[in-house]
Amino acid sequence: MFISDAYAQTAAAAPGGMLGNLTSFLPIILMFVVLYFLMIRPQMKRQKEQKSMMDALAKGDEVVTSGGILGKITKVTDAYITIEVSEGNEIIVQKSAIATLLPKGTIKAL
């Protein structure tokens, strides 16, 4: 008498269907696009420039190593470079240790 009957509700339709699923993933997709353009693409460009610089190294070029040593290239092999740091003093470094290629005449100006 005092207790009313309880009825189950019918299932509601999914809001938006396919469009609702796409909008829920849109922030994640947008985040990956921004990550690509701000981090991955510039890093790939730097790697490409570094590789082309290493391939173009030749005898007589003035370089700076990653350790900060300035010198003139006297010999180039496949994996190593001989650098003259002062008159009569040469060191051998790996090609990957070259950080920057300097314009000609930079070392004499210092």
PDB file of N, CA and C in Angstrom:
ATOM      1  N   MET A   1       0.773  -1.177   0.000  1.00  0.00           N
ATOM      2  CA  MET A   1       0.000   0.000   0.000  1.00  0.00           C
ATOM      3  C   MET A   1       0.837   1.274   0.000  1.00  0.00           C
ATOM      4  N   PHE A   2       1.759   1.374   0.947  1.00  0.00           N
ATOM      5  CA  PHE A   2       2.565   2.573   1.018  1.00  0.00           C
ATOM      6  C   PHE A   2       3.829   2.516   0.145  1.00  0.00           C
ATOM      7  N   ILE A   3       4.176   1.362  -0.350  1.00  0.00           N
ATOM      8  CA  ILE A   3       5.379   1.197  -1.175  1.00  0.00           C
ATOM      9  C   ILE A   3       4.962   1.247  -2.634  1.00  0.00           C
ATOM     10  N   SER A   4       5.627   2.166  -3.391  1.00  0.00           N
ATOM     11  CA  SER A   4       5.312   2.265  -4.816  1.00  0.00           C
ATOM     12  C   SER A   4       6.170   1.290  -5.606  1.00  0.00           C
ATOM     13  N   ASP A   5       5.705   0.963  -6.768  1.00  0.00           N
ATOM     14  CA  ASP A   5       6.434   0.027  -7.617  1.00  0.00           C
ATOM     15  C   ASP A   5       7.646   0.724  -8.240  1.00  0.00           C
ATOM     16  N   ALA A   6       8.770  -0.008  -8.406  1.00  0.00           N
ATOM     17  CA  ALA A   6       9.988   0.521  -9.048  1.00  0.00           C
ATOM     18  C   ALA A   6      10.109  -0.093 -10.421  1.00  0.00           C
ATOM     19  N   TYR A   7      10.288   0.756 -11.403  1.00  0.00           N
ATOM     20  CA  TYR A   7      10.419   0.290 -12.781  1.00  0.00           C
ATOM     21  C   TYR A   7      11.831   0.607 -13.296  1.00  0.00           C
ATOM     22  N   ALA A   8      12.379  -0.295 -14.095  1.00  0.00           N
ATOM     23  CA  ALA A   8      13.714  -0.089 -14.662  1.00  0.00           C
ATOM     24  C   ALA A   8      13.634   0.916 -15.807  1.00  0.00           C
ATOM     25  N   GLN A   9      14.681   1.733 -15.946  1.00  0.00           N
ATOM     26  CA  GLN A   9      14.697   2.706 -17.027  1.00  0.00           C
ATOM     27  C   GLN A   9      15.188   2.039 -18.305  1.00  0.00           C
ATOM     28  N   THR A  10      14.760   2.580 -19.405  1.00  0.00           N
ATOM     29  CA  THR A  10      15.235   2.061 -20.686  1.00  0.00           C
ATOM     30  C   THR A  10      16.627   2.635 -20.966  1.00  0.00           C
ATOM     31  N   ALA A  11      17.429   1.937 -21.759  1.00  0.00           N
ATOM     32  CA  ALA A  11      18.794   2.400 -22.080  1.00  0.00           C
ATOM     33  C   ALA A  11      18.711   3.629 -22.968  1.00  0.00           C
ATOM     34  N   ALA A  12      19.532   4.634 -22.636  1.00  0.00           N
ATOM     35  CA  ALA A  12      19.567   5.861 -23.425  1.00  0.00           C
ATOM     36  C   ALA A  12      20.467   5.651 -24.637  1.00  0.00           C
ATOM     37  N   ALA A  13      20.199   6.369 -25.703  1.00  0.00           N
ATOM     38  CA  ALA A  13      21.020   6.277 -26.906  1.00  0.00           C
ATOM     39  C   ALA A  13      22.388   6.892 -26.644  1.00  0.00           C
ATOM     40  N   ALA A  14      23.403   6.349 -27.301  1.00  0.00           N
ATOM     41  CA  ALA A  14      24.763   6.868 -27.136  1.00  0.00           C
ATOM     42  C   ALA A  14      24.837   8.279 -27.719  1.00  0.00           C
ATOM     43  N   PRO A  15      25.372   9.232 -26.969  1.00  0.00           N
ATOM     44  CA  PRO A  15      25.405  10.612 -27.461  1.00  0.00           C
ATOM     45  C   PRO A  15      26.469  10.785 -28.551  1.00  0.00           C
ATOM     46  N   GLY A  16      26.065  11.235 -29.694  1.00  0.00           N
ATOM     47  CA  GLY A  16      27.000  11.588 -30.745  1.00  0.00           C
ATOM     48  C   GLY A  16      27.456  10.448 -31.631  1.00  0.00           C
ATOM     49  N   GLY A  17      27.420   9.243 -31.210  1.00  0.00           N
ATOM     50  CA  GLY A  17      27.864   8.112 -32.016  1.00  0.00           C
ATOM     51  C   GLY A  17      29.351   8.201 -32.319  1.00  0.00           C
ATOM     52  N   MET A  18      29.714   8.130 -33.594  1.00  0.00           N
ATOM     53  CA  MET A  18      31.116   8.174 -34.032  1.00  0.00           C
ATOM     54  C   MET A  18      31.757   9.530 -33.740  1.00  0.00           C
ATOM     55  N   LEU A  19      30.997  10.580 -33.875  1.00  0.00           N
ATOM     56  CA  LEU A  19      31.528  11.915 -33.624  1.00  0.00           C
ATOM     57  C   LEU A  19      31.924  12.085 -32.158  1.00  0.00           C
ATOM     58  N   GLY A  20      31.215  11.475 -31.255  1.00  0.00           N
ATOM     59  CA  GLY A  20      31.544  11.549 -29.831  1.00  0.00           C
ATOM     60  C   GLY A  20      32.868  10.869 -29.528  1.00  0.00           C
ATOM     61  N   ASN A  21      33.138   9.737 -30.194  1.00  0.00           N
ATOM     62  CA  ASN A  21      34.415   9.035 -29.988  1.00  0.00           C
ATOM     63  C   ASN A  21      35.578   9.863 -30.528  1.00  0.00           C
ATOM     64  N   LEU A  22      35.383  10.505 -31.663  1.00  0.00           N
ATOM     65  CA  LEU A  22      36.445  11.301 -32.275  1.00  0.00           C
ATOM     66  C   LEU A  22      36.785  12.513 -31.408  1.00  0.00           C
ATOM     67  N   THR A  23      35.780  13.170 -30.874  1.00  0.00           N
ATOM     68  CA  THR A  23      36.038  14.344 -30.044  1.00  0.00           C
ATOM     69  C   THR A  23      36.690  13.975 -28.720  1.00  0.00           C
ATOM     70  N   SER A  24      36.490  12.747 -28.251  1.00  0.00           N
ATOM     71  CA  SER A  24      37.154  12.343 -27.014  1.00  0.00           C
ATOM     72  C   SER A  24      38.642  12.074 -27.253  1.00  0.00           C
ATOM     73  N   PHE A  25      39.031  11.676 -28.463  1.00  0.00           N
ATOM     74  CA  PHE A  25      40.440  11.426 -28.781  1.00  0.00           C
ATOM     75  C   PHE A  25      41.128  12.644 -29.383  1.00  0.00           C
ATOM     76  N   LEU A  26      40.375  13.677 -29.701  1.00  0.00           N
ATOM     77  CA  LEU A  26      40.950  14.864 -30.340  1.00  0.00           C
ATOM     78  C   LEU A  26      42.062  15.525 -29.515  1.00  0.00           C
ATOM     79  N   PRO A  27      41.934  15.690 -28.200  1.00  0.00           N
ATOM     80  CA  PRO A  27      43.046  16.294 -27.440  1.00  0.00           C
ATOM     81  C   PRO A  27      44.331  15.460 -27.501  1.00  0.00           C
ATOM     82  N   ILE A  28      44.210  14.147 -27.483  1.00  0.00           N
ATOM     83  CA  ILE A  28      45.394  13.280 -27.548  1.00  0.00           C
ATOM     84  C   ILE A  28      46.051  13.388 -28.917  1.00  0.00           C
ATOM     85  N   ILE A  29      45.250  13.377 -29.969  1.00  0.00           N
ATOM     86  CA  ILE A  29      45.774  13.507 -31.329  1.00  0.00           C
ATOM     87  C   ILE A  29      46.449  14.861 -31.499  1.00  0.00           C
ATOM     88  N   LEU A  30      45.815  15.905 -31.011  1.00  0.00           N
ATOM     89  CA  LEU A  30      46.380  17.252 -31.093  1.00  0.00           C
ATOM     90  C   LEU A  30      47.702  17.346 -30.326  1.00  0.00           C
ATOM     91  N   MET A  31      47.796  16.680 -29.190  1.00  0.00           N
ATOM     92  CA  MET A  31      49.016  16.690 -28.399  1.00  0.00           C
ATOM     93  C   MET A  31      50.170  16.022 -29.167  1.00  0.00           C
ATOM     94  N   PHE A  32      49.914  14.915 -29.865  1.00  0.00           N
ATOM     95  CA  PHE A  32      50.956  14.253 -30.649  1.00  0.00           C
ATOM     96  C   PHE A  32      51.388  15.092 -31.845  1.00  0.00           C
ATOM     97  N   VAL A  33      50.460  15.820 -32.449  1.00  0.00           N
ATOM     98  CA  VAL A  33      50.815  16.692 -33.574  1.00  0.00           C
ATOM     99  C   VAL A  33      51.720  17.822 -33.097  1.00  0.00           C
ATOM    100  N   VAL A  34      51.393  18.424 -31.979  1.00  0.00           N
ATOM    101  CA  VAL A  34      52.217  19.503 -31.422  1.00  0.00           C
ATOM    102  C   VAL A  34      53.586  18.961 -31.023  1.00  0.00           C
ATOM    103  N   LEU A  35      53.633  17.779 -30.415  1.00  0.00           N
ATOM    104  CA  LEU A  35      54.891  17.147 -30.025  1.00  0.00           C
ATOM    105  C   LEU A  35      55.773  16.912 -31.254  1.00  0.00           C
ATOM    106  N   TYR A  36      55.179  16.480 -32.346  1.00  0.00           N
ATOM    107  CA  TYR A  36      55.946  16.230 -33.568  1.00  0.00           C
ATOM    108  C   TYR A  36      56.578  17.516 -34.089  1.00  0.00           C
ATOM    109  N   PHE A  37      55.784  18.579 -34.190  1.00  0.00           N
ATOM    110  CA  PHE A  37      56.298  19.824 -34.774  1.00  0.00           C
ATOM    111  C   PHE A  37      57.236  20.590 -33.843  1.00  0.00           C
ATOM    112  N   LEU A  38      57.118  20.419 -32.536  1.00  0.00           N
ATOM    113  CA  LEU A  38      57.969  21.159 -31.613  1.00  0.00           C
ATOM    114  C   LEU A  38      59.223  20.400 -31.190  1.00  0.00           C
ATOM    115  N   MET A  39      59.201  19.071 -31.232  1.00  0.00           N
ATOM    116  CA  MET A  39      60.340  18.319 -30.729  1.00  0.00           C
ATOM    117  C   MET A  39      60.952  17.371 -31.751  1.00  0.00           C
ATOM    118  N   ILE A  40      60.169  16.541 -32.377  1.00  0.00           N
ATOM    119  CA  ILE A  40      60.710  15.483 -33.225  1.00  0.00           C
ATOM    120  C   ILE A  40      61.254  16.040 -34.536  1.00  0.00           C
ATOM    121  N   ARG A  41      60.511  16.880 -35.211  1.00  0.00           N
ATOM    122  CA  ARG A  41      60.936  17.417 -36.501  1.00  0.00           C
ATOM    123  C   ARG A  41      62.196  18.278 -36.404  1.00  0.00           C
ATOM    124  N   PRO A  42      62.315  19.206 -35.444  1.00  0.00           N
ATOM    125  CA  PRO A  42      63.570  19.964 -35.333  1.00  0.00           C
ATOM    126  C   PRO A  42      64.781  19.082 -35.011  1.00  0.00           C
ATOM    127  N   GLN A  43      64.582  18.044 -34.190  1.00  0.00           N
ATOM    128  CA  GLN A  43      65.682  17.139 -33.866  1.00  0.00           C
ATOM    129  C   GLN A  43      66.142  16.384 -35.108  1.00  0.00           C
ATOM    130  N   MET A  44      65.222  15.943 -35.935  1.00  0.00           N
ATOM    131  CA  MET A  44      65.591  15.250 -37.169  1.00  0.00           C
ATOM    132  C   MET A  44      66.337  16.189 -38.113  1.00  0.00           C
ATOM    133  N   LYS A  45      65.939  17.454 -38.150  1.00  0.00           N
ATOM    134  CA  LYS A  45      66.613  18.437 -38.995  1.00  0.00           C
ATOM    135  C   LYS A  45      68.041  18.670 -38.518  1.00  0.00           C
ATOM    136  N   ARG A  46      68.233  18.771 -37.194  1.00  0.00           N
ATOM    137  CA  ARG A  46      69.577  18.957 -36.640  1.00  0.00           C
ATOM    138  C   ARG A  46      70.472  17.760 -36.944  1.00  0.00           C
ATOM    139  N   GLN A  47      69.931  16.546 -36.831  1.00  0.00           N
ATOM    140  CA  GLN A  47      70.703  15.346 -37.124  1.00  0.00           C
ATOM    141  C   GLN A  47      71.119  15.315 -38.590  1.00  0.00           C
ATOM    142  N   LYS A  48      70.224  15.710 -39.472  1.00  0.00           N
ATOM    143  CA  LYS A  48      70.533  15.736 -40.899  1.00  0.00           C
ATOM    144  C   LYS A  48      71.634  16.754 -41.198  1.00  0.00           C
ATOM    145  N   GLU A  49      71.565  17.938 -40.590  1.00  0.00           N
ATOM    146  CA  GLU A  49      72.597  18.957 -40.783  1.00  0.00           C
ATOM    147  C   GLU A  49      73.938  18.494 -40.233  1.00  0.00           C
ATOM    148  N   GLN A  50      73.945  17.836 -39.071  1.00  0.00           N
ATOM    149  CA  GLN A  50      75.178  17.343 -38.464  1.00  0.00           C
ATOM    150  C   GLN A  50      75.817  16.281 -39.353  1.00  0.00           C
ATOM    151  N   LYS A  51      75.009  15.386 -39.911  1.00  0.00           N
ATOM    152  CA  LYS A  51      75.538  14.337 -40.783  1.00  0.00           C
ATOM    153  C   LYS A  51      76.124  14.932 -42.056  1.00  0.00           C
ATOM    154  N   SER A  52      75.451  15.900 -42.643  1.00  0.00           N
ATOM    155  CA  SER A  52      75.974  16.510 -43.866  1.00  0.00           C
ATOM    156  C   SER A  52      77.255  17.293 -43.579  1.00  0.00           C
ATOM    157  N   MET A  53      77.363  17.914 -42.390  1.00  0.00           N
ATOM    158  CA  MET A  53      78.581  18.620 -42.014  1.00  0.00           C
ATOM    159  C   MET A  53      79.737  17.637 -41.847  1.00  0.00           C
ATOM    160  N   MET A  54      79.488  16.487 -41.234  1.00  0.00           N
ATOM    161  CA  MET A  54      80.543  15.491 -41.042  1.00  0.00           C
ATOM    162  C   MET A  54      81.009  14.901 -42.369  1.00  0.00           C
ATOM    163  N   ASP A  55      80.087  14.713 -43.291  1.00  0.00           N
ATOM    164  CA  ASP A  55      80.457  14.177 -44.606  1.00  0.00           C
ATOM    165  C   ASP A  55      81.278  15.182 -45.406  1.00  0.00           C
ATOM    166  N   ALA A  56      81.099  16.466 -45.143  1.00  0.00           N
ATOM    167  CA  ALA A  56      81.780  17.512 -45.907  1.00  0.00           C
ATOM    168  C   ALA A  56      83.123  17.928 -45.307  1.00  0.00           C
ATOM    169  N   LEU A  57      83.521  17.349 -44.177  1.00  0.00           N
ATOM    170  CA  LEU A  57      84.789  17.724 -43.562  1.00  0.00           C
ATOM    171  C   LEU A  57      85.953  17.360 -44.470  1.00  0.00           C
ATOM    172  N   ALA A  58      86.911  18.269 -44.594  1.00  0.00           N
ATOM    173  CA  ALA A  58      88.069  18.049 -45.457  1.00  0.00           C
ATOM    174  C   ALA A  58      89.315  18.611 -44.798  1.00  0.00           C
ATOM    175  N   LYS A  59      90.466  18.250 -45.349  1.00  0.00           N
ATOM    176  CA  LYS A  59      91.747  18.737 -44.841  1.00  0.00           C
ATOM    177  C   LYS A  59      91.786  20.257 -44.968  1.00  0.00           C
ATOM    178  N   GLY A  60      92.240  20.929 -43.908  1.00  0.00           N
ATOM    179  CA  GLY A  60      92.335  22.387 -43.906  1.00  0.00           C
ATOM    180  C   GLY A  60      91.153  23.077 -43.254  1.00  0.00           C
ATOM    181  N   ASP A  61      90.057  22.369 -42.987  1.00  0.00           N
ATOM    182  CA  ASP A  61      88.907  22.970 -42.310  1.00  0.00           C
ATOM    183  C   ASP A  61      89.241  23.225 -40.843  1.00  0.00           C
ATOM    184  N   GLU A  62      88.696  24.277 -40.310  1.00  0.00           N
ATOM    185  CA  GLU A  62      88.880  24.610 -38.895  1.00  0.00           C
ATOM    186  C   GLU A  62      87.616  24.205 -38.141  1.00  0.00           C
ATOM    187  N   VAL A  63      87.814  23.468 -37.046  1.00  0.00           N
ATOM    188  CA  VAL A  63      86.684  22.887 -36.338  1.00  0.00           C
ATOM    189  C   VAL A  63      86.807  23.101 -34.836  1.00  0.00           C
ATOM    190  N   VAL A  64      85.677  22.889 -34.151  1.00  0.00           N
ATOM    191  CA  VAL A  64      85.624  22.858 -32.692  1.00  0.00           C
ATOM    192  C   VAL A  64      85.075  21.494 -32.308  1.00  0.00           C
ATOM    193  N   THR A  65      85.753  20.814 -31.388  1.00  0.00           N
ATOM    194  CA  THR A  65      85.263  19.520 -30.929  1.00  0.00           C
ATOM    195  C   THR A  65      84.194  19.722 -29.860  1.00  0.00           C
ATOM    196  N   SER A  66      83.528  18.631 -29.507  1.00  0.00           N
ATOM    197  CA  SER A  66      82.505  18.726 -28.462  1.00  0.00           C
ATOM    198  C   SER A  66      83.121  19.029 -27.102  1.00  0.00           C
ATOM    199  N   GLY A  67      84.423  18.825 -26.962  1.00  0.00           N
ATOM    200  CA  GLY A  67      85.121  19.164 -25.722  1.00  0.00           C
ATOM    201  C   GLY A  67      85.622  20.592 -25.702  1.00  0.00           C
ATOM    202  N   GLY A  68      85.459  21.326 -26.812  1.00  0.00           N
ATOM    203  CA  GLY A  68      85.846  22.718 -26.860  1.00  0.00           C
ATOM    204  C   GLY A  68      87.231  22.968 -27.422  1.00  0.00           C
ATOM    205  N   ILE A  69      87.846  21.954 -28.013  1.00  0.00           N
ATOM    206  CA  ILE A  69      89.189  22.110 -28.580  1.00  0.00           C
ATOM    207  C   ILE A  69      89.071  22.646 -30.003  1.00  0.00           C
ATOM    208  N   LEU A  70      89.812  23.727 -30.283  1.00  0.00           N
ATOM    209  CA  LEU A  70      89.841  24.296 -31.622  1.00  0.00           C
ATOM    210  C   LEU A  70      91.058  23.771 -32.353  1.00  0.00           C
ATOM    211  N   GLY A  71      90.912  23.526 -33.652  1.00  0.00           N
ATOM    212  CA  GLY A  71      92.056  23.055 -34.423  1.00  0.00           C
ATOM    213  C   GLY A  71      91.756  23.003 -35.897  1.00  0.00           C
ATOM    214  N   LYS A  72      92.814  22.699 -36.660  1.00  0.00           N
ATOM    215  CA  LYS A  72      92.714  22.597 -38.111  1.00  0.00           C
ATOM    216  C   LYS A  72      92.873  21.124 -38.484  1.00  0.00           C
ATOM    217  N   ILE A  73      92.005  20.635 -39.357  1.00  0.00           N
ATOM    218  CA  ILE A  73      92.047  19.241 -39.780  1.00  0.00           C
ATOM    219  C   ILE A  73      93.261  19.019 -40.673  1.00  0.00           C
ATOM    220  N   THR A  74      94.050  17.972 -40.325  1.00  0.00           N
ATOM    221  CA  THR A  74      95.203  17.631 -41.155  1.00  0.00           C
ATOM    222  C   THR A  74      95.028  16.307 -41.878  1.00  0.00           C
ATOM    223  N   LYS A  75      94.143  15.444 -41.363  1.00  0.00           N
ATOM    224  CA  LYS A  75      93.925  14.143 -41.992  1.00  0.00           C
ATOM    225  C   LYS A  75      92.507  13.684 -41.684  1.00  0.00           C
ATOM    226  N   VAL A  76      91.826  13.129 -42.705  1.00  0.00           N
ATOM    227  CA  VAL A  76      90.461  12.636 -42.542  1.00  0.00           C
ATOM    228  C   VAL A  76      90.408  11.184 -42.985  1.00  0.00           C
ATOM    229  N   THR A  77      89.891  10.305 -42.111  1.00  0.00           N
ATOM    230  CA  THR A  77      89.628   8.913 -42.480  1.00  0.00           C
ATOM    231  C   THR A  77      88.129   8.669 -42.317  1.00  0.00           C
ATOM    232  N   ASP A  78      87.718   7.413 -42.446  1.00  0.00           N
ATOM    233  CA  ASP A  78      86.286   7.104 -42.353  1.00  0.00           C
ATOM    234  C   ASP A  78      85.704   7.421 -40.984  1.00  0.00           C
ATOM    235  N   ALA A  79      86.420   7.058 -39.915  1.00  0.00           N
ATOM    236  CA  ALA A  79      85.871   7.226 -38.567  1.00  0.00           C
ATOM    237  C   ALA A  79      86.608   8.258 -37.729  1.00  0.00           C
ATOM    238  N   TYR A  80      87.861   8.592 -38.115  1.00  0.00           N
ATOM    239  CA  TYR A  80      88.675   9.471 -37.279  1.00  0.00           C
ATOM    240  C   TYR A  80      89.182  10.670 -38.062  1.00  0.00           C
ATOM    241  N   ILE A  81      89.503  11.717 -37.310  1.00  0.00           N
ATOM    242  CA  ILE A  81      90.053  12.944 -37.884  1.00  0.00           C
ATOM    243  C   ILE A  81      91.266  13.341 -37.053  1.00  0.00           C
ATOM    244  N   THR A  82      92.335  13.730 -37.723  1.00  0.00           N
ATOM    245  CA  THR A  82      93.508  14.248 -37.031  1.00  0.00           C
ATOM    246  C   THR A  82      93.436  15.765 -37.068  1.00  0.00           C
ATOM    247  N   ILE A  83      93.544  16.376 -35.883  1.00  0.00           N
ATOM    248  CA  ILE A  83      93.417  17.827 -35.760  1.00  0.00           C
ATOM    249  C   ILE A  83      94.723  18.389 -35.216  1.00  0.00           C
ATOM    250  N   GLU A  84      95.212  19.439 -35.840  1.00  0.00           N
ATOM    251  CA  GLU A  84      96.388  20.143 -35.342  1.00  0.00           C
ATOM    252  C   GLU A  84      95.899  21.265 -34.430  1.00  0.00           C
ATOM    253  N   VAL A  85      96.206  21.135 -33.126  1.00  0.00           N
ATOM    254  CA  VAL A  85      95.727  22.117 -32.154  1.00  0.00           C
ATOM    255  C   VAL A  85      96.706  23.257 -31.984  1.00  0.00           C
ATOM    256  N   SER A  86      97.984  22.999 -32.183  1.00  0.00           N
ATOM    257  CA  SER A  86      99.007  24.038 -32.213  1.00  0.00           C
ATOM    258  C   SER A  86     100.123  23.503 -33.108  1.00  0.00           C
ATOM    259  N   GLU A  87     101.075  24.335 -33.412  1.00  0.00           N
ATOM    260  CA  GLU A  87     102.107  23.913 -34.346  1.00  0.00           C
ATOM    261  C   GLU A  87     102.883  22.720 -33.788  1.00  0.00           C
ATOM    262  N   GLY A  88     102.810  21.612 -34.515  1.00  0.00           N
ATOM    263  CA  GLY A  88     103.503  20.397 -34.105  1.00  0.00           C
ATOM    264  C   GLY A  88     102.713  19.493 -33.179  1.00  0.00           C
ATOM    265  N   ASN A  89     101.563  19.914 -32.675  1.00  0.00           N
ATOM    266  CA  ASN A  89     100.743  19.092 -31.778  1.00  0.00           C
ATOM    267  C   ASN A  89      99.461  18.690 -32.493  1.00  0.00           C
ATOM    268  N   GLU A  90      99.296  17.384 -32.645  1.00  0.00           N
ATOM    269  CA  GLU A  90      98.101  16.865 -33.305  1.00  0.00           C
ATOM    270  C   GLU A  90      97.393  15.892 -32.378  1.00  0.00           C
ATOM    271  N   ILE A  91      96.067  15.861 -32.490  1.00  0.00           N
ATOM    272  CA  ILE A  91      95.271  14.896 -31.740  1.00  0.00           C
ATOM    273  C   ILE A  91      94.367  14.174 -32.729  1.00  0.00           C
ATOM    274  N   ILE A  92      93.986  12.963 -32.371  1.00  0.00           N
ATOM    275  CA  ILE A  92      93.077  12.179 -33.202  1.00  0.00           C
ATOM    276  C   ILE A  92      91.756  12.070 -32.459  1.00  0.00           C
ATOM    277  N   VAL A  93      90.664  12.438 -33.117  1.00  0.00           N
ATOM    278  CA  VAL A  93      89.323  12.361 -32.522  1.00  0.00           C
ATOM    279  C   VAL A  93      88.389  11.647 -33.478  1.00  0.00           C
ATOM    280  N   GLN A  94      87.299  11.154 -32.947  1.00  0.00           N
ATOM    281  CA  GLN A  94      86.275  10.552 -33.786  1.00  0.00           C
ATOM    282  C   GLN A  94      85.532  11.646 -34.538  1.00  0.00           C
ATOM    283  N   LYS A  95      84.997  11.289 -35.698  1.00  0.00           N
ATOM    284  CA  LYS A  95      84.243  12.273 -36.474  1.00  0.00           C
ATOM    285  C   LYS A  95      83.040  12.792 -35.702  1.00  0.00           C
ATOM    286  N   SER A  96      82.438  11.930 -34.899  1.00  0.00           N
ATOM    287  CA  SER A  96      81.245  12.338 -34.150  1.00  0.00           C
ATOM    288  C   SER A  96      81.571  13.357 -33.065  1.00  0.00           C
ATOM    289  N   ALA A  97      82.861  13.542 -32.731  1.00  0.00           N
ATOM    290  CA  ALA A  97      83.258  14.509 -31.702  1.00  0.00           C
ATOM    291  C   ALA A  97      83.331  15.929 -32.238  1.00  0.00           C
ATOM    292  N   ILE A  98      83.179  16.111 -33.549  1.00  0.00           N
ATOM    293  CA  ILE A  98      83.221  17.449 -34.131  1.00  0.00           C
ATOM    294  C   ILE A  98      81.870  18.113 -33.899  1.00  0.00           C
ATOM    295  N   ALA A  99      81.888  19.267 -33.240  1.00  0.00           N
ATOM    296  CA  ALA A  99      80.648  19.973 -32.926  1.00  0.00           C
ATOM    297  C   ALA A  99      80.333  21.058 -33.947  1.00  0.00           C
ATOM    298  N   THR A 100      81.356  21.819 -34.383  1.00  0.00           N
ATOM    299  CA  THR A 100      81.109  22.964 -35.252  1.00  0.00           C
ATOM    300  C   THR A 100      82.215  23.091 -36.285  1.00  0.00           C
ATOM    301  N   LEU A 101      81.838  23.465 -37.465  1.00  0.00           N
ATOM    302  CA  LEU A 101      82.782  23.799 -38.524  1.00  0.00           C
ATOM    303  C   LEU A 101      82.902  25.308 -38.558  1.00  0.00           C
ATOM    304  N   LEU A 102      84.120  25.821 -38.353  1.00  0.00           N
ATOM    305  CA  LEU A 102      84.344  27.270 -38.282  1.00  0.00           C
ATOM    306  C   LEU A 102      84.673  27.830 -39.666  1.00  0.00           C
ATOM    307  N   PRO A 103      84.419  29.121 -39.885  1.00  0.00           N
ATOM    308  CA  PRO A 103      84.856  29.749 -41.129  1.00  0.00           C
ATOM    309  C   PRO A 103      86.383  29.780 -41.208  1.00  0.00           C
ATOM    310  N   LYS A 104      86.891  29.750 -42.427  1.00  0.00           N
ATOM    311  CA  LYS A 104      88.354  29.749 -42.616  1.00  0.00           C
ATOM    312  C   LYS A 104      88.961  31.010 -42.023  1.00  0.00           C
ATOM    313  N   GLY A 105      90.113  30.869 -41.356  1.00  0.00           N
ATOM    314  CA  GLY A 105      90.810  32.009 -40.780  1.00  0.00           C
ATOM    315  C   GLY A 105      90.371  32.381 -39.377  1.00  0.00           C
ATOM    316  N   THR A 106      89.444  31.647 -38.797  1.00  0.00           N
ATOM    317  CA  THR A 106      88.946  31.966 -37.461  1.00  0.00           C
ATOM    318  C   THR A 106      90.004  31.732 -36.391  1.00  0.00           C
ATOM    319  N   ILE A 107      90.748  30.652 -36.505  1.00  0.00           N
ATOM    320  CA  ILE A 107      91.725  30.316 -35.479  1.00  0.00           C
ATOM    321  C   ILE A 107      92.865  31.330 -35.456  1.00  0.00           C
ATOM    322  N   LYS A 108      93.306  31.801 -36.587  1.00  0.00           N
ATOM    323  CA  LYS A 108      94.389  32.795 -36.624  1.00  0.00           C
ATOM    324  C   LYS A 108      93.947  34.124 -36.019  1.00  0.00           C
ATOM    325  N   ALA A 109      92.641  34.430 -36.118  1.00  0.00           N
ATOM    326  CA  ALA A 109      92.120  35.690 -35.589  1.00  0.00           C
ATOM    327  C   ALA A 109      92.075  35.681 -34.060  1.00  0.00           C
ATOM    328  N   LEU A 110      92.047  34.490 -33.484  1.00  0.00           N
ATOM    329  CA  LEU A 110      91.998  34.404 -32.012  1.00  0.00           C
ATOM    330  C   LEU A 110      93.363  34.687 -31.484  1.00  0.00           C
TER     331      LEU A 110
END
